[in-house]
């Protein structure tokens, strides 16, 4: 079984495309985590960049995204509309799912510090 490799690229500016690229294992893990976030309010999975570095991807079901800051990767001096009052890092913190860290295998409410399911093959 290969490591779940996934790369995320947010839009650079208004009208740009976003990209999620990954191998089959990563995309299936993402699919399961999306289903869990829809059902439970939050989920998290451990994924890997193509260099073998792990990262935790957290998915949060937010009922009202209209107040959340728009985040463009190429923004040097972001300007926010009057309605954009919540930083993305605060999404989910007002809900029970946001206060209870999800486990690395994507099950909400368990210990996020549990050992990962996959060992990194990268050398440091």
PDB file of N, CA and C in Angstrom:
ATOM      1  N   UNK A   1       0.843  -1.170   0.000  1.00  0.00           N
ATOM      2  CA  UNK A   1       0.000   0.000   0.000  1.00  0.00           C
ATOM      3  C   UNK A   1       0.896   1.243   0.000  1.00  0.00           C
ATOM      4  N   UNK A   2       0.581   2.203  -0.876  1.00  0.00           N
ATOM      5  CA  UNK A   2       1.377   3.425  -0.949  1.00  0.00           C
ATOM      6  C   UNK A   2       0.853   4.466   0.026  1.00  0.00           C
ATOM      7  N   UNK A   3       1.683   5.444   0.315  1.00  0.00           N
ATOM      8  CA  UNK A   3       1.257   6.545   1.174  1.00  0.00           C
ATOM      9  C   UNK A   3       0.213   7.391   0.452  1.00  0.00           C
ATOM     10  N   UNK A   4      -0.721   7.991   1.200  1.00  0.00           N
ATOM     11  CA  UNK A   4      -1.718   8.856   0.572  1.00  0.00           C
ATOM     12  C   UNK A   4      -1.117  10.243   0.292  1.00  0.00           C
ATOM     13  N   UNK A   5      -0.682  10.460  -0.942  1.00  0.00           N
ATOM     14  CA  UNK A   5      -0.078  11.724  -1.350  1.00  0.00           C
ATOM     15  C   UNK A   5      -1.157  12.665  -1.868  1.00  0.00           C
ATOM     16  N   UNK A   6      -1.185  13.901  -1.330  1.00  0.00           N
ATOM     17  CA  UNK A   6      -2.178  14.881  -1.758  1.00  0.00           C
ATOM     18  C   UNK A   6      -1.554  16.266  -1.751  1.00  0.00           C
ATOM     19  N   UNK A   7      -1.886  17.051  -2.763  1.00  0.00           N
ATOM     20  CA  UNK A   7      -1.474  18.448  -2.839  1.00  0.00           C
ATOM     21  C   UNK A   7      -2.717  19.305  -3.000  1.00  0.00           C
ATOM     22  N   UNK A   8      -2.736  20.443  -2.304  1.00  0.00           N
ATOM     23  CA  UNK A   8      -3.836  21.399  -2.353  1.00  0.00           C
ATOM     24  C   UNK A   8      -3.304  22.721  -2.870  1.00  0.00           C
ATOM     25  N   UNK A   9      -4.041  23.345  -3.776  1.00  0.00           N
ATOM     26  CA  UNK A   9      -3.645  24.648  -4.289  1.00  0.00           C
ATOM     27  C   UNK A   9      -4.882  25.532  -4.302  1.00  0.00           C
ATOM     28  N   UNK A  10      -4.871  26.578  -3.488  1.00  0.00           N
ATOM     29  CA  UNK A  10      -6.015  27.489  -3.442  1.00  0.00           C
ATOM     30  C   UNK A  10      -5.940  28.456  -4.619  1.00  0.00           C
ATOM     31  N   UNK A  11      -7.048  29.118  -4.939  1.00  0.00           N
ATOM     32  CA  UNK A  11      -7.009  30.100  -6.034  1.00  0.00           C
ATOM     33  C   UNK A  11      -6.028  31.231  -5.713  1.00  0.00           C
ATOM     34  N   UNK A  12      -5.359  31.726  -6.736  1.00  0.00           N
ATOM     35  CA  UNK A  12      -4.422  32.828  -6.547  1.00  0.00           C
ATOM     36  C   UNK A  12      -5.129  34.169  -6.437  1.00  0.00           C
ATOM     37  N   UNK A  13      -6.273  34.286  -7.103  1.00  0.00           N
ATOM     38  CA  UNK A  13      -7.061  35.525  -7.064  1.00  0.00           C
ATOM     39  C   UNK A  13      -8.461  35.209  -7.575  1.00  0.00           C
ATOM     40  N   UNK A  14      -9.311  36.196  -7.570  1.00  0.00           N
ATOM     41  CA  UNK A  14     -10.686  36.045  -8.038  1.00  0.00           C
ATOM     42  C   UNK A  14     -10.697  35.466  -9.451  1.00  0.00           C
ATOM     43  N   UNK A  15     -11.449  34.419  -9.651  1.00  0.00           N
ATOM     44  CA  UNK A  15     -11.573  33.802 -10.968  1.00  0.00           C
ATOM     45  C   UNK A  15     -10.589  32.692 -11.258  1.00  0.00           C
ATOM     46  N   UNK A  16      -9.548  32.528 -10.441  1.00  0.00           N
ATOM     47  CA  UNK A  16      -8.587  31.437 -10.632  1.00  0.00           C
ATOM     48  C   UNK A  16      -9.193  30.107 -10.206  1.00  0.00           C
ATOM     49  N   UNK A  17      -8.593  29.036 -10.669  1.00  0.00           N
ATOM     50  CA  UNK A  17      -9.017  27.689 -10.285  1.00  0.00           C
ATOM     51  C   UNK A  17      -8.277  27.228  -9.043  1.00  0.00           C
ATOM     52  N   UNK A  18      -8.910  26.348  -8.301  1.00  0.00           N
ATOM     53  CA  UNK A  18      -8.269  25.647  -7.193  1.00  0.00           C
ATOM     54  C   UNK A  18      -8.009  24.218  -7.671  1.00  0.00           C
ATOM     55  N   UNK A  19      -7.028  23.545  -7.055  1.00  0.00           N
ATOM     56  CA  UNK A  19      -6.680  22.188  -7.470  1.00  0.00           C
ATOM     57  C   UNK A  19      -6.502  21.304  -6.233  1.00  0.00           C
ATOM     58  N   UNK A  20      -7.069  20.119  -6.296  1.00  0.00           N
ATOM     59  CA  UNK A  20      -6.776  19.044  -5.350  1.00  0.00           C
ATOM     60  C   UNK A  20      -6.243  17.908  -6.203  1.00  0.00           C
ATOM     61  N   UNK A  21      -4.984  17.520  -5.987  1.00  0.00           N
ATOM     62  CA  UNK A  21      -4.363  16.454  -6.766  1.00  0.00           C
ATOM     63  C   UNK A  21      -3.799  15.417  -5.805  1.00  0.00           C
ATOM     64  N   UNK A  22      -4.102  14.153  -6.066  1.00  0.00           N
ATOM     65  CA  UNK A  22      -3.592  13.121  -5.191  1.00  0.00           C
ATOM     66  C   UNK A  22      -3.668  11.749  -5.837  1.00  0.00           C
ATOM     67  N   UNK A  23      -2.993  10.796  -5.196  1.00  0.00           N
ATOM     68  CA  UNK A  23      -3.098   9.423  -5.686  1.00  0.00           C
ATOM     69  C   UNK A  23      -4.432   8.832  -5.225  1.00  0.00           C
ATOM     70  N   UNK A  24      -4.752   7.645  -5.689  1.00  0.00           N
ATOM     71  CA  UNK A  24      -6.050   7.032  -5.408  1.00  0.00           C
ATOM     72  C   UNK A  24      -6.283   6.869  -3.909  1.00  0.00           C
ATOM     73  N   UNK A  25      -5.250   6.457  -3.175  1.00  0.00           N
ATOM     74  CA  UNK A  25      -5.411   6.265  -1.729  1.00  0.00           C
ATOM     75  C   UNK A  25      -5.769   7.576  -1.038  1.00  0.00           C
ATOM     76  N   UNK A  26      -5.109   8.662  -1.409  1.00  0.00           N
ATOM     77  CA  UNK A  26      -5.397   9.962  -0.802  1.00  0.00           C
ATOM     78  C   UNK A  26      -6.800  10.439  -1.148  1.00  0.00           C
ATOM     79  N   UNK A  27      -7.197  10.281  -2.405  1.00  0.00           N
ATOM     80  CA  UNK A  27      -8.522  10.733  -2.814  1.00  0.00           C
ATOM     81  C   UNK A  27      -9.622   9.906  -2.151  1.00  0.00           C
ATOM     82  N   UNK A  28      -9.394   8.611  -1.955  1.00  0.00           N
ATOM     83  CA  UNK A  28     -10.378   7.790  -1.238  1.00  0.00           C
ATOM     84  C   UNK A  28     -10.453   8.188   0.230  1.00  0.00           C
ATOM     85  N   UNK A  29      -9.303   8.476   0.844  1.00  0.00           N
ATOM     86  CA  UNK A  29      -9.293   8.952   2.227  1.00  0.00           C
ATOM     87  C   UNK A  29     -10.033  10.280   2.344  1.00  0.00           C
ATOM     88  N   UNK A  30      -9.814  11.150   1.384  1.00  0.00           N
ATOM     89  CA  UNK A  30     -10.511  12.434   1.362  1.00  0.00           C
ATOM     90  C   UNK A  30     -12.021  12.225   1.219  1.00  0.00           C
ATOM     91  N   UNK A  31     -12.416  11.293   0.364  1.00  0.00           N
ATOM     92  CA  UNK A  31     -13.839  11.003   0.178  1.00  0.00           C
ATOM     93  C   UNK A  31     -14.476  10.522   1.489  1.00  0.00           C
ATOM     94  N   UNK A  32     -13.797   9.604   2.177  1.00  0.00           N
ATOM     95  CA  UNK A  32     -14.322   9.107   3.461  1.00  0.00           C
ATOM     96  C   UNK A  32     -14.387  10.238   4.490  1.00  0.00           C
ATOM     97  N   UNK A  33     -13.364  11.088   4.521  1.00  0.00           N
ATOM     98  CA  UNK A  33     -13.345  12.194   5.479  1.00  0.00           C
ATOM     99  C   UNK A  33     -14.447  13.209   5.169  1.00  0.00           C
ATOM    100  N   UNK A  34     -14.708  13.460   3.891  1.00  0.00           N
ATOM    101  CA  UNK A  34     -15.808  14.358   3.518  1.00  0.00           C
ATOM    102  C   UNK A  34     -17.141  13.801   4.017  1.00  0.00           C
ATOM    103  N   UNK A  35     -17.356  12.513   3.850  1.00  0.00           N
ATOM    104  CA  UNK A  35     -18.587  11.887   4.324  1.00  0.00           C
ATOM    105  C   UNK A  35     -18.705  11.990   5.841  1.00  0.00           C
ATOM    106  N   UNK A  36     -17.592  11.773   6.544  1.00  0.00           N
ATOM    107  CA  UNK A  36     -17.598  11.871   8.002  1.00  0.00           C
ATOM    108  C   UNK A  36     -17.840  13.304   8.463  1.00  0.00           C
ATOM    109  N   UNK A  37     -17.258  14.284   7.781  1.00  0.00           N
ATOM    110  CA  UNK A  37     -17.481  15.686   8.143  1.00  0.00           C
ATOM    111  C   UNK A  37     -18.936  16.079   7.916  1.00  0.00           C
ATOM    112  N   UNK A  38     -19.527  15.578   6.831  1.00  0.00           N
ATOM    113  CA  UNK A  38     -20.946  15.852   6.588  1.00  0.00           C
ATOM    114  C   UNK A  38     -21.817  15.234   7.681  1.00  0.00           C
ATOM    115  N   UNK A  39     -21.487  14.029   8.102  1.00  0.00           N
ATOM    116  CA  UNK A  39     -22.282  13.329   9.110  1.00  0.00           C
ATOM    117  C   UNK A  39     -22.016  13.817  10.529  1.00  0.00           C
ATOM    118  N   UNK A  40     -20.750  14.117  10.857  1.00  0.00           N
ATOM    119  CA  UNK A  40     -20.342  14.392  12.237  1.00  0.00           C
ATOM    120  C   UNK A  40     -19.957  15.839  12.513  1.00  0.00           C
ATOM    121  N   UNK A  41     -19.807  16.654  11.490  1.00  0.00           N
ATOM    122  CA  UNK A  41     -19.418  18.047  11.688  1.00  0.00           C
ATOM    123  C   UNK A  41     -17.942  18.299  11.479  1.00  0.00           C
ATOM    124  N   UNK A  42     -17.095  17.280  11.620  1.00  0.00           N
ATOM    125  CA  UNK A  42     -15.656  17.464  11.425  1.00  0.00           C
ATOM    126  C   UNK A  42     -15.000  16.106  11.201  1.00  0.00           C
ATOM    127  N   UNK A  43     -13.870  16.139  10.543  1.00  0.00           N
ATOM    128  CA  UNK A  43     -13.062  14.938  10.327  1.00  0.00           C
ATOM    129  C   UNK A  43     -11.632  15.395  10.053  1.00  0.00           C
ATOM    130  N   UNK A  44     -10.695  14.502  10.210  1.00  0.00           N
ATOM    131  CA  UNK A  44      -9.301  14.810   9.901  1.00  0.00           C
ATOM    132  C   UNK A  44      -8.612  13.545   9.405  1.00  0.00           C
ATOM    133  N   UNK A  45      -7.685  13.742   8.484  1.00  0.00           N
ATOM    134  CA  UNK A  45      -6.906  12.616   7.955  1.00  0.00           C
ATOM    135  C   UNK A  45      -5.459  13.047   7.823  1.00  0.00           C
ATOM    136  N   UNK A  46      -4.568  12.090   8.005  1.00  0.00           N
ATOM    137  CA  UNK A  46      -3.158  12.361   7.773  1.00  0.00           C
ATOM    138  C   UNK A  46      -2.839  12.020   6.331  1.00  0.00           C
ATOM    139  N   UNK A  47      -2.240  12.983   5.647  1.00  0.00           N
ATOM    140  CA  UNK A  47      -1.837  12.824   4.256  1.00  0.00           C
ATOM    141  C   UNK A  47      -0.366  13.182   4.145  1.00  0.00           C
ATOM    142  N   UNK A  48       0.187  13.029   2.947  1.00  0.00           N
ATOM    143  CA  UNK A  48       1.602  13.300   2.743  1.00  0.00           C
ATOM    144  C   UNK A  48       1.807  14.128   1.484  1.00  0.00           C
ATOM    145  N   UNK A  49       2.757  15.055   1.554  1.00  0.00           N
ATOM    146  CA  UNK A  49       3.227  15.747   0.355  1.00  0.00           C
ATOM    147  C   UNK A  49       4.091  14.753  -0.415  1.00  0.00           C
ATOM    148  N   UNK A  50       4.364  15.028  -1.672  1.00  0.00           N
ATOM    149  CA  UNK A  50       5.113  14.065  -2.483  1.00  0.00           C
ATOM    150  C   UNK A  50       6.543  13.857  -1.999  1.00  0.00           C
ATOM    151  N   UNK A  51       7.045  14.752  -1.129  1.00  0.00           N
ATOM    152  CA  UNK A  51       8.384  14.551  -0.565  1.00  0.00           C
ATOM    153  C   UNK A  51       8.341  13.685   0.698  1.00  0.00           C
ATOM    154  N   UNK A  52       7.157  13.185   1.063  1.00  0.00           N
ATOM    155  CA  UNK A  52       7.031  12.306   2.216  1.00  0.00           C
ATOM    156  C   UNK A  52       6.711  13.015   3.523  1.00  0.00           C
ATOM    157  N   UNK A  53       6.616  14.338   3.506  1.00  0.00           N
ATOM    158  CA  UNK A  53       6.293  15.078   4.727  1.00  0.00           C
ATOM    159  C   UNK A  53       4.803  14.941   5.024  1.00  0.00           C
ATOM    160  N   UNK A  54       4.445  14.533   6.254  1.00  0.00           N
ATOM    161  CA  UNK A  54       3.034  14.375   6.598  1.00  0.00           C
ATOM    162  C   UNK A  54       2.379  15.707   6.972  1.00  0.00           C
ATOM    163  N   UNK A  55       1.069  15.760   6.794  1.00  0.00           N
ATOM    164  CA  UNK A  55       0.286  16.888   7.301  1.00  0.00           C
ATOM    165  C   UNK A  55      -1.100  16.385   7.641  1.00  0.00           C
ATOM    166  N   UNK A  56      -1.751  17.065   8.563  1.00  0.00           N
ATOM    167  CA  UNK A  56      -3.095  16.720   8.971  1.00  0.00           C
ATOM    168  C   UNK A  56      -4.065  17.632   8.239  1.00  0.00           C
ATOM    169  N   UNK A  57      -4.993  17.061   7.504  1.00  0.00           N
ATOM    170  CA  UNK A  57      -6.023  17.817   6.799  1.00  0.00           C
ATOM    171  C   UNK A  57      -7.302  17.710   7.613  1.00  0.00           C
ATOM    172  N   UNK A  58      -7.811  18.851   8.069  1.00  0.00           N
ATOM    173  CA  UNK A  58      -9.038  18.900   8.854  1.00  0.00           C
ATOM    174  C   UNK A  58     -10.162  19.416   7.986  1.00  0.00           C
ATOM    175  N   UNK A  59     -11.289  18.747   8.032  1.00  0.00           N
ATOM    176  CA  UNK A  59     -12.484  19.154   7.300  1.00  0.00           C
ATOM    177  C   UNK A  59     -13.549  19.515   8.325  1.00  0.00           C
ATOM    178  N   UNK A  60     -14.185  20.665   8.149  1.00  0.00           N
ATOM    179  CA  UNK A  60     -15.189  21.140   9.089  1.00  0.00           C
ATOM    180  C   UNK A  60     -16.437  21.524   8.316  1.00  0.00           C
ATOM    181  N   UNK A  61     -17.577  21.025   8.765  1.00  0.00           N
ATOM    182  CA  UNK A  61     -18.859  21.433   8.184  1.00  0.00           C
ATOM    183  C   UNK A  61     -19.271  22.735   8.867  1.00  0.00           C
ATOM    184  N   UNK A  62     -19.347  23.805   8.109  1.00  0.00           N
ATOM    185  CA  UNK A  62     -19.709  25.123   8.626  1.00  0.00           C
ATOM    186  C   UNK A  62     -21.058  25.495   8.031  1.00  0.00           C
ATOM    187  N   UNK A  63     -21.992  25.875   8.880  1.00  0.00           N
ATOM    188  CA  UNK A  63     -23.349  26.169   8.412  1.00  0.00           C
ATOM    189  C   UNK A  63     -23.434  27.468   7.632  1.00  0.00           C
ATOM    190  N   UNK A  64     -22.615  28.465   7.974  1.00  0.00           N
ATOM    191  CA  UNK A  64     -22.671  29.756   7.285  1.00  0.00           C
ATOM    192  C   UNK A  64     -21.256  30.199   6.934  1.00  0.00           C
ATOM    193  N   UNK A  65     -20.862  30.000   5.693  1.00  0.00           N
ATOM    194  CA  UNK A  65     -19.524  30.380   5.240  1.00  0.00           C
ATOM    195  C   UNK A  65     -19.441  31.841   4.798  1.00  0.00           C
ATOM    196  N   UNK A  66     -20.562  32.558   4.776  1.00  0.00           N
ATOM    197  CA  UNK A  66     -20.555  33.929   4.246  1.00  0.00           C
ATOM    198  C   UNK A  66     -19.703  34.881   5.072  1.00  0.00           C
ATOM    199  N   UNK A  67     -19.493  34.604   6.358  1.00  0.00           N
ATOM    200  CA  UNK A  67     -18.702  35.495   7.204  1.00  0.00           C
ATOM    201  C   UNK A  67     -17.222  35.106   7.268  1.00  0.00           C
ATOM    202  N   UNK A  68     -16.854  34.015   6.625  1.00  0.00           N
ATOM    203  CA  UNK A  68     -15.466  33.521   6.681  1.00  0.00           C
ATOM    204  C   UNK A  68     -14.614  34.253   5.652  1.00  0.00           C
ATOM    205  N   UNK A  69     -13.395  34.618   6.067  1.00  0.00           N
ATOM    206  CA  UNK A  69     -12.468  35.324   5.168  1.00  0.00           C
ATOM    207  C   UNK A  69     -12.235  34.531   3.897  1.00  0.00           C
ATOM    208  N   UNK A  70     -12.251  35.215   2.775  1.00  0.00           N
ATOM    209  CA  UNK A  70     -11.809  34.632   1.519  1.00  0.00           C
ATOM    210  C   UNK A  70     -10.282  34.585   1.559  1.00  0.00           C
ATOM    211  N   UNK A  71      -9.713  33.466   1.166  1.00  0.00           N
ATOM    212  CA  UNK A  71      -8.257  33.321   1.222  1.00  0.00           C
ATOM    213  C   UNK A  71      -7.717  33.021  -0.175  1.00  0.00           C
ATOM    214  N   UNK A  72      -6.975  33.966  -0.724  1.00  0.00           N
ATOM    215  CA  UNK A  72      -6.312  33.765  -2.014  1.00  0.00           C
ATOM    216  C   UNK A  72      -4.818  33.612  -1.763  1.00  0.00           C
ATOM    217  N   UNK A  73      -4.187  32.652  -2.418  1.00  0.00           N
ATOM    218  CA  UNK A  73      -2.770  32.376  -2.150  1.00  0.00           C
ATOM    219  C   UNK A  73      -1.850  33.518  -2.559  1.00  0.00           C
ATOM    220  N   UNK A  74      -2.228  34.318  -3.550  1.00  0.00           N
ATOM    221  CA  UNK A  74      -1.352  35.388  -4.031  1.00  0.00           C
ATOM    222  C   UNK A  74      -1.653  36.751  -3.412  1.00  0.00           C
ATOM    223  N   UNK A  75      -2.521  36.806  -2.398  1.00  0.00           N
ATOM    224  CA  UNK A  75      -2.860  38.090  -1.787  1.00  0.00           C
ATOM    225  C   UNK A  75      -1.689  38.654  -1.018  1.00  0.00           C
ATOM    226  N   UNK A  76      -1.288  39.865  -1.342  1.00  0.00           N
ATOM    227  CA  UNK A  76      -0.238  40.539  -0.591  1.00  0.00           C
ATOM    228  C   UNK A  76      -0.852  41.410   0.499  1.00  0.00           C
ATOM    229  N   UNK A  77      -1.900  42.133   0.162  1.00  0.00           N
ATOM    230  CA  UNK A  77      -2.572  43.024   1.102  1.00  0.00           C
ATOM    231  C   UNK A  77      -4.071  42.743   1.021  1.00  0.00           C
ATOM    232  N   UNK A  78      -4.525  41.727   1.765  1.00  0.00           N
ATOM    233  CA  UNK A  78      -5.928  41.332   1.644  1.00  0.00           C
ATOM    234  C   UNK A  78      -6.874  42.439   2.092  1.00  0.00           C
ATOM    235  N   UNK A  79      -7.921  42.607   1.330  1.00  0.00           N
ATOM    236  CA  UNK A  79      -9.001  43.511   1.693  1.00  0.00           C
ATOM    237  C   UNK A  79     -10.236  42.666   1.915  1.00  0.00           C
ATOM    238  N   UNK A  80     -10.898  42.862   3.021  1.00  0.00           N
ATOM    239  CA  UNK A  80     -12.051  42.062   3.391  1.00  0.00           C
ATOM    240  C   UNK A  80     -13.331  42.875   3.218  1.00  0.00           C
ATOM    241  N   UNK A  81     -14.381  42.192   2.783  1.00  0.00           N
ATOM    242  CA  UNK A  81     -15.689  42.836   2.727  1.00  0.00           C
ATOM    243  C   UNK A  81     -16.217  42.968   4.153  1.00  0.00           C
ATOM    244  N   UNK A  82     -17.252  43.745   4.331  1.00  0.00           N
ATOM    245  CA  UNK A  82     -17.838  43.936   5.657  1.00  0.00           C
ATOM    246  C   UNK A  82     -18.372  42.636   6.243  1.00  0.00           C
ATOM    247  N   UNK A  83     -18.814  41.715   5.392  1.00  0.00           N
ATOM    248  CA  UNK A  83     -19.380  40.466   5.899  1.00  0.00           C
ATOM    249  C   UNK A  83     -18.314  39.451   6.311  1.00  0.00           C
ATOM    250  N   UNK A  84     -17.083  39.580   5.810  1.00  0.00           N
ATOM    251  CA  UNK A  84     -16.016  38.620   6.113  1.00  0.00           C
ATOM    252  C   UNK A  84     -15.365  38.979   7.448  1.00  0.00           C
ATOM    253  N   UNK A  85     -15.879  38.368   8.523  1.00  0.00           N
ATOM    254  CA  UNK A  85     -15.422  38.700   9.875  1.00  0.00           C
ATOM    255  C   UNK A  85     -14.673  37.566  10.562  1.00  0.00           C
ATOM    256  N   UNK A  86     -14.759  36.339  10.047  1.00  0.00           N
ATOM    257  CA  UNK A  86     -14.160  35.188  10.732  1.00  0.00           C
ATOM    258  C   UNK A  86     -12.976  34.629   9.965  1.00  0.00           C
ATOM    259  N   UNK A  87     -11.800  34.594  10.593  1.00  0.00           N
ATOM    260  CA  UNK A  87     -10.660  33.921   9.946  1.00  0.00           C
ATOM    261  C   UNK A  87     -10.949  32.430   9.790  1.00  0.00           C
ATOM    262  N   UNK A  88     -10.410  31.837   8.763  1.00  0.00           N
ATOM    263  CA  UNK A  88     -10.625  30.413   8.503  1.00  0.00           C
ATOM    264  C   UNK A  88     -10.193  29.560   9.688  1.00  0.00           C
ATOM    265  N   UNK A  89      -9.149  29.965  10.397  1.00  0.00           N
ATOM    266  CA  UNK A  89      -8.677  29.160  11.528  1.00  0.00           C
ATOM    267  C   UNK A  89      -9.705  29.087  12.664  1.00  0.00           C
ATOM    268  N   UNK A  90     -10.717  29.959  12.665  1.00  0.00           N
ATOM    269  CA  UNK A  90     -11.758  29.933  13.699  1.00  0.00           C
ATOM    270  C   UNK A  90     -12.983  29.133  13.291  1.00  0.00           C
ATOM    271  N   UNK A  91     -13.044  28.681  12.051  1.00  0.00           N
ATOM    272  CA  UNK A  91     -14.189  27.902  11.588  1.00  0.00           C
ATOM    273  C   UNK A  91     -14.247  26.596  12.364  1.00  0.00           C
ATOM    274  N   UNK A  92     -15.429  26.274  12.857  1.00  0.00           N
ATOM    275  CA  UNK A  92     -15.626  25.035  13.589  1.00  0.00           C
ATOM    276  C   UNK A  92     -15.382  25.140  15.077  1.00  0.00           C
ATOM    277  N   UNK A  93     -14.754  26.213  15.541  1.00  0.00           N
ATOM    278  CA  UNK A  93     -14.459  26.335  16.965  1.00  0.00           C
ATOM    279  C   UNK A  93     -15.691  26.641  17.801  1.00  0.00           C
ATOM    280  N   UNK A  94     -16.763  27.115  17.171  1.00  0.00           N
ATOM    281  CA  UNK A  94     -17.976  27.397  17.924  1.00  0.00           C
ATOM    282  C   UNK A  94     -18.898  26.190  17.999  1.00  0.00           C
ATOM    283  N   UNK A  95     -18.548  25.123  17.304  1.00  0.00           N
ATOM    284  CA  UNK A  95     -19.383  23.919  17.324  1.00  0.00           C
ATOM    285  C   UNK A  95     -18.716  22.836  18.163  1.00  0.00           C
ATOM    286  N   UNK A  96     -19.490  21.879  18.672  1.00  0.00           N
ATOM    287  CA  UNK A  96     -18.877  20.787  19.442  1.00  0.00           C
ATOM    288  C   UNK A  96     -17.811  20.043  18.654  1.00  0.00           C
ATOM    289  N   UNK A  97     -18.009  19.866  17.338  1.00  0.00           N
ATOM    290  CA  UNK A  97     -17.011  19.155  16.523  1.00  0.00           C
ATOM    291  C   UNK A  97     -15.710  19.934  16.472  1.00  0.00           C
ATOM    292  N   UNK A  98     -15.778  21.267  16.503  1.00  0.00           N
ATOM    293  CA  UNK A  98     -14.575  22.088  16.461  1.00  0.00           C
ATOM    294  C   UNK A  98     -13.795  22.061  17.749  1.00  0.00           C
ATOM    295  N   UNK A  99     -14.473  21.823  18.877  1.00  0.00           N
ATOM    296  CA  UNK A  99     -13.783  21.792  20.166  1.00  0.00           C
ATOM    297  C   UNK A  99     -13.174  20.432  20.451  1.00  0.00           C
ATOM    298  N   UNK A 100     -13.678  19.391  19.810  1.00  0.00           N
ATOM    299  CA  UNK A 100     -13.167  18.046  20.025  1.00  0.00           C
ATOM    300  C   UNK A 100     -12.294  17.666  18.840  1.00  0.00           C
ATOM    301  N   UNK A 101     -10.979  17.537  19.051  1.00  0.00           N
ATOM    302  CA  UNK A 101     -10.124  17.248  17.897  1.00  0.00           C
ATOM    303  C   UNK A 101     -10.438  15.899  17.272  1.00  0.00           C
ATOM    304  N   UNK A 102     -10.512  15.852  15.941  1.00  0.00           N
ATOM    305  CA  UNK A 102     -10.723  14.576  15.272  1.00  0.00           C
ATOM    306  C   UNK A 102      -9.477  13.718  15.318  1.00  0.00           C
ATOM    307  N   UNK A 103      -9.678  12.419  15.256  1.00  0.00           N
ATOM    308  CA  UNK A 103      -8.562  11.483  15.202  1.00  0.00           C
ATOM    309  C   UNK A 103      -7.950  11.521  13.817  1.00  0.00           C
ATOM    310  N   UNK A 104      -6.718  11.110  13.680  1.00  0.00           N
ATOM    311  CA  UNK A 104      -6.022  11.145  12.394  1.00  0.00           C
ATOM    312  C   UNK A 104      -6.682  10.265  11.342  1.00  0.00           C
ATOM    313  N   UNK A 105      -7.449   9.271  11.748  1.00  0.00           N
ATOM    314  CA  UNK A 105      -8.094   8.418  10.748  1.00  0.00           C
ATOM    315  C   UNK A 105      -9.430   8.984  10.301  1.00  0.00           C
ATOM    316  N   UNK A 106      -9.763  10.207  10.757  1.00  0.00           N
ATOM    317  CA  UNK A 106     -10.947  10.881  10.270  1.00  0.00           C
ATOM    318  C   UNK A 106     -12.174  10.732  11.137  1.00  0.00           C
ATOM    319  N   UNK A 107     -12.068  10.094  12.294  1.00  0.00           N
ATOM    320  CA  UNK A 107     -13.229   9.927  13.144  1.00  0.00           C
ATOM    321  C   UNK A 107     -13.261  11.071  14.149  1.00  0.00           C
ATOM    322  N   UNK A 108     -14.314  11.886  14.076  1.00  0.00           N
ATOM    323  CA  UNK A 108     -14.422  13.051  14.953  1.00  0.00           C
ATOM    324  C   UNK A 108     -14.536  12.614  16.400  1.00  0.00           C
ATOM    325  N   UNK A 109     -13.964  13.442  17.289  1.00  0.00           N
ATOM    326  CA  UNK A 109     -14.136  13.236  18.709  1.00  0.00           C
ATOM    327  C   UNK A 109     -13.086  12.363  19.355  1.00  0.00           C
ATOM    328  N   UNK A 110     -12.105  11.912  18.644  1.00  0.00           N
ATOM    329  CA  UNK A 110     -11.064  11.072  19.237  1.00  0.00           C
ATOM    330  C   UNK A 110      -9.764  11.861  19.326  1.00  0.00           C
ATOM    331  N   UNK A 111      -8.730  11.231  19.789  1.00  0.00           N
ATOM    332  CA  UNK A 111      -7.457  11.892  20.051  1.00  0.00           C
ATOM    333  C   UNK A 111      -6.683  12.166  18.765  1.00  0.00           C
ATOM    334  N   UNK A 112      -6.456  13.449  18.458  1.00  0.00           N
ATOM    335  CA  UNK A 112      -5.725  13.818  17.243  1.00  0.00           C
ATOM    336  C   UNK A 112      -4.241  13.530  17.361  1.00  0.00           C
ATOM    337  N   UNK A 113      -3.784  13.207  18.555  1.00  0.00           N
ATOM    338  CA  UNK A 113      -2.362  12.935  18.721  1.00  0.00           C
ATOM    339  C   UNK A 113      -2.047  11.453  18.613  1.00  0.00           C
ATOM    340  N   UNK A 114      -3.024  10.658  18.241  1.00  0.00           N
ATOM    341  CA  UNK A 114      -2.782   9.221  18.069  1.00  0.00           C
ATOM    342  C   UNK A 114      -1.726   9.003  17.002  1.00  0.00           C
ATOM    343  N   UNK A 115      -0.941   7.930  17.098  1.00  0.00           N
ATOM    344  CA  UNK A 115       0.091   7.701  16.097  1.00  0.00           C
ATOM    345  C   UNK A 115      -0.511   7.541  14.700  1.00  0.00           C
ATOM    346  N   UNK A 116       0.187   8.026  13.681  1.00  0.00           N
ATOM    347  CA  UNK A 116      -0.334   7.924  12.322  1.00  0.00           C
ATOM    348  C   UNK A 116      -0.427   6.475  11.870  1.00  0.00           C
ATOM    349  N   UNK A 117      -1.317   6.255  10.878  1.00  0.00           N
ATOM    350  CA  UNK A 117      -1.494   4.912  10.336  1.00  0.00           C
ATOM    351  C   UNK A 117      -0.391   4.534   9.348  1.00  0.00           C
ATOM    352  N   UNK A 118       0.334   5.522   8.839  1.00  0.00           N
ATOM    353  CA  UNK A 118       1.346   5.281   7.809  1.00  0.00           C
ATOM    354  C   UNK A 118       2.684   5.811   8.299  1.00  0.00           C
ATOM    355  N   UNK A 119       3.736   5.092   8.029  1.00  0.00           N
ATOM    356  CA  UNK A 119       5.085   5.556   8.374  1.00  0.00           C
ATOM    357  C   UNK A 119       5.657   6.307   7.181  1.00  0.00           C
ATOM    358  N   UNK A 120       6.279   7.412   7.432  1.00  0.00           N
ATOM    359  CA  UNK A 120       6.883   8.189   6.358  1.00  0.00           C
ATOM    360  C   UNK A 120       8.113   7.460   5.838  1.00  0.00           C
ATOM    361  N   UNK A 121       8.269   7.466   4.528  1.00  0.00           N
ATOM    362  CA  UNK A 121       9.438   6.827   3.918  1.00  0.00           C
ATOM    363  C   UNK A 121      10.520   7.833   3.583  1.00  0.00           C
ATOM    364  N   UNK A 122      10.258   9.101   3.881  1.00  0.00           N
ATOM    365  CA  UNK A 122      11.235  10.147   3.559  1.00  0.00           C
ATOM    366  C   UNK A 122      12.398  10.095   4.546  1.00  0.00           C
ATOM    367  N   UNK A 123      13.561  10.443   4.067  1.00  0.00           N
ATOM    368  CA  UNK A 123      14.715  10.569   4.949  1.00  0.00           C
ATOM    369  C   UNK A 123      14.937  12.035   5.221  1.00  0.00           C
ATOM    370  N   UNK A 124      15.314  12.368   6.428  1.00  0.00           N
ATOM    371  CA  UNK A 124      15.495  13.766   6.816  1.00  0.00           C
ATOM    372  C   UNK A 124      16.938  14.072   7.059  1.00  0.00           C
TER     373      UNK A 124
END
